[in-house]
Amino acid sequence: MNHASDAPPGPEIAFDQFLAVDIRVGTIVEAEPFPEARRPAYKLTIDFGPVIGRKRSSAQITEHYGLEELVGRQVAAVINFPPRQIGPMRSEVLTLGFPDENGQVVLVQPSQPVPNGGRLF
């Protein structure tokens, strides 16, 4: 069975290309079921602080997280991709995670609380 950890590294990129991807930290303020999604997912509202505000995201994280434990959790997300229509929902940011040994998403989050809106570097 192939796992994402078996994939070779991606092609070398310039540092400016990395800087073009705007990854920020935010706190989940709402988590709702998303029964219309093709694969099990939740609808998240994430607060990225006063400058960026609240953004919506569809996240396939139902295997490891219950709705009740998501609110208040800080997560990392790409905030500068164009929005994507996922069923009836417009997903505005890409919530980031790594696959576990079965390919299920484990969220990326800071190891200590940090201010919402902080940019990854």
Protein backbone atom coordinates (compact mmCIF):
# COMPACT_ATOMS: atom_id res chain seq x y z
CA MET A 1 0.00 0.00 0.00
CA ASN A 2 1.35 3.44 -0.93
CA HIS A 3 1.39 6.13 1.70
CA ALA A 4 2.06 9.83 1.29
CA SER A 5 5.24 9.25 3.31
CA ASP A 6 6.50 7.03 0.46
CA ALA A 7 6.43 9.93 -2.02
CA PRO A 8 9.75 11.41 -3.14
CA PRO A 9 10.48 15.07 -2.32
CA GLY A 10 8.97 17.69 -4.63
CA PRO A 11 11.06 19.69 -7.07
CA GLU A 12 13.37 22.37 -5.70
CA ILE A 13 11.73 25.80 -5.50
CA ALA A 14 12.96 29.34 -4.95
CA PHE A 15 12.45 30.88 -1.51
CA ASP A 16 10.17 33.50 -3.10
CA GLN A 17 7.83 30.69 -4.17
CA PHE A 18 7.57 29.55 -0.56
CA LEU A 19 6.87 33.11 0.56
CA ALA A 20 4.02 33.33 -1.97
CA VAL A 21 2.10 30.68 0.01
CA ASP A 22 0.48 32.56 2.90
CA ILE A 23 0.08 30.10 5.80
CA ARG A 24 -1.53 31.56 8.92
CA VAL A 25 -2.70 30.34 12.29
CA GLY A 26 -6.30 30.70 13.36
CA THR A 27 -8.69 29.41 16.01
CA ILE A 28 -11.70 27.30 15.08
CA VAL A 29 -14.77 29.18 16.33
CA GLU A 30 -17.47 26.99 14.72
CA ALA A 31 -17.50 23.36 13.60
CA GLU A 32 -20.54 21.85 11.88
CA PRO A 33 -21.43 18.58 10.19
CA PHE A 34 -21.13 18.60 6.39
CA PRO A 35 -23.43 15.76 5.27
CA GLU A 36 -23.48 17.01 1.65
CA ALA A 37 -19.73 16.39 1.22
CA ARG A 38 -18.77 13.40 -0.95
CA ARG A 39 -16.19 12.27 1.61
CA PRO A 40 -16.78 12.71 5.35
CA ALA A 41 -15.94 16.29 6.33
CA TYR A 42 -16.79 19.15 8.65
CA LYS A 43 -17.52 22.80 7.90
CA LEU A 44 -15.19 24.98 9.94
CA THR A 45 -15.21 28.72 10.66
CA ILE A 46 -11.71 29.84 11.62
CA ASP A 47 -10.83 33.21 13.19
CA PHE A 48 -7.56 34.58 11.81
CA GLY A 49 -7.63 37.79 13.88
CA PRO A 50 -8.80 41.34 13.19
CA VAL A 51 -6.95 41.91 9.89
CA ILE A 52 -7.95 38.70 8.05
CA GLY A 53 -11.14 37.94 9.97
CA ARG A 54 -13.15 34.74 9.92
CA LYS A 55 -12.88 32.31 7.00
CA ARG A 56 -14.68 29.07 6.15
CA SER A 57 -13.04 25.74 5.36
CA SER A 58 -14.17 22.23 4.54
CA ALA A 59 -11.93 19.72 6.32
CA GLN A 60 -11.84 15.92 5.97
CA ILE A 61 -10.91 15.37 9.62
CA THR A 62 -13.84 13.28 10.87
CA GLU A 63 -11.70 10.21 11.59
CA HIS A 64 -9.61 11.80 14.35
CA TYR A 65 -11.73 14.73 15.57
CA GLY A 66 -15.22 15.11 16.96
CA LEU A 67 -17.11 18.37 16.46
CA GLU A 68 -17.08 19.09 20.20
CA GLU A 69 -13.27 19.06 20.43
CA LEU A 70 -12.59 21.35 17.46
CA VAL A 71 -13.91 24.69 18.74
CA GLY A 72 -11.04 26.56 20.42
CA ARG A 73 -8.32 24.54 18.64
CA GLN A 74 -5.68 26.48 16.72
CA VAL A 75 -4.89 25.27 13.20
CA ALA A 76 -2.71 26.28 10.26
CA ALA A 77 -4.25 27.15 6.90
CA VAL A 78 -3.30 28.52 3.50
CA ILE A 79 -5.29 31.73 3.22
CA ASN A 80 -4.37 32.93 -0.28
CA PHE A 81 -5.67 30.16 -2.54
CA PRO A 82 -8.77 31.08 -4.54
CA PRO A 83 -12.01 29.94 -2.84
CA ARG A 84 -13.33 26.51 -3.92
CA GLN A 85 -16.95 25.49 -4.17
CA ILE A 86 -17.39 22.17 -2.34
CA GLY A 87 -20.99 21.09 -2.74
CA PRO A 88 -23.15 23.86 -1.28
CA MET A 89 -20.22 25.42 0.62
CA ARG A 90 -17.59 27.93 -0.46
CA SER A 91 -14.28 26.92 1.16
CA GLU A 92 -12.11 30.02 1.56
CA VAL A 93 -8.96 28.55 3.14
CA LEU A 94 -7.12 25.21 3.05
CA THR A 95 -6.79 23.78 6.55
CA LEU A 96 -3.48 21.89 6.77
CA GLY A 97 -2.73 18.43 8.08
CA PHE A 98 -0.53 15.39 7.63
CA PRO A 99 -1.72 11.86 6.80
CA ASP A 100 -1.52 9.20 9.48
CA GLU A 101 -0.51 5.61 8.60
CA ASN A 102 -4.00 5.07 7.11
CA GLY A 103 -4.09 8.32 5.13
CA GLN A 104 -6.44 10.07 7.59
CA VAL A 105 -5.77 13.74 8.31
CA VAL A 106 -4.02 14.86 11.50
CA LEU A 107 -4.23 18.66 11.88
CA VAL A 108 -1.16 20.90 11.94
CA GLN A 109 -1.23 23.15 14.99
CA PRO A 110 1.25 25.17 17.04
CA SER A 111 2.69 23.44 20.10
CA GLN A 112 1.81 26.51 22.21
CA PRO A 113 -0.94 29.15 21.86
CA VAL A 114 0.01 31.97 19.48
CA PRO A 115 -1.87 35.08 18.30
CA ASN A 116 -4.41 34.43 15.53
CA GLY A 117 -3.24 35.62 12.12
CA GLY A 118 0.45 34.85 12.72
CA ARG A 119 2.24 33.87 9.51
CA LEU A 120 4.30 30.69 9.20
CA PHE A 121 7.99 31.27 8.50
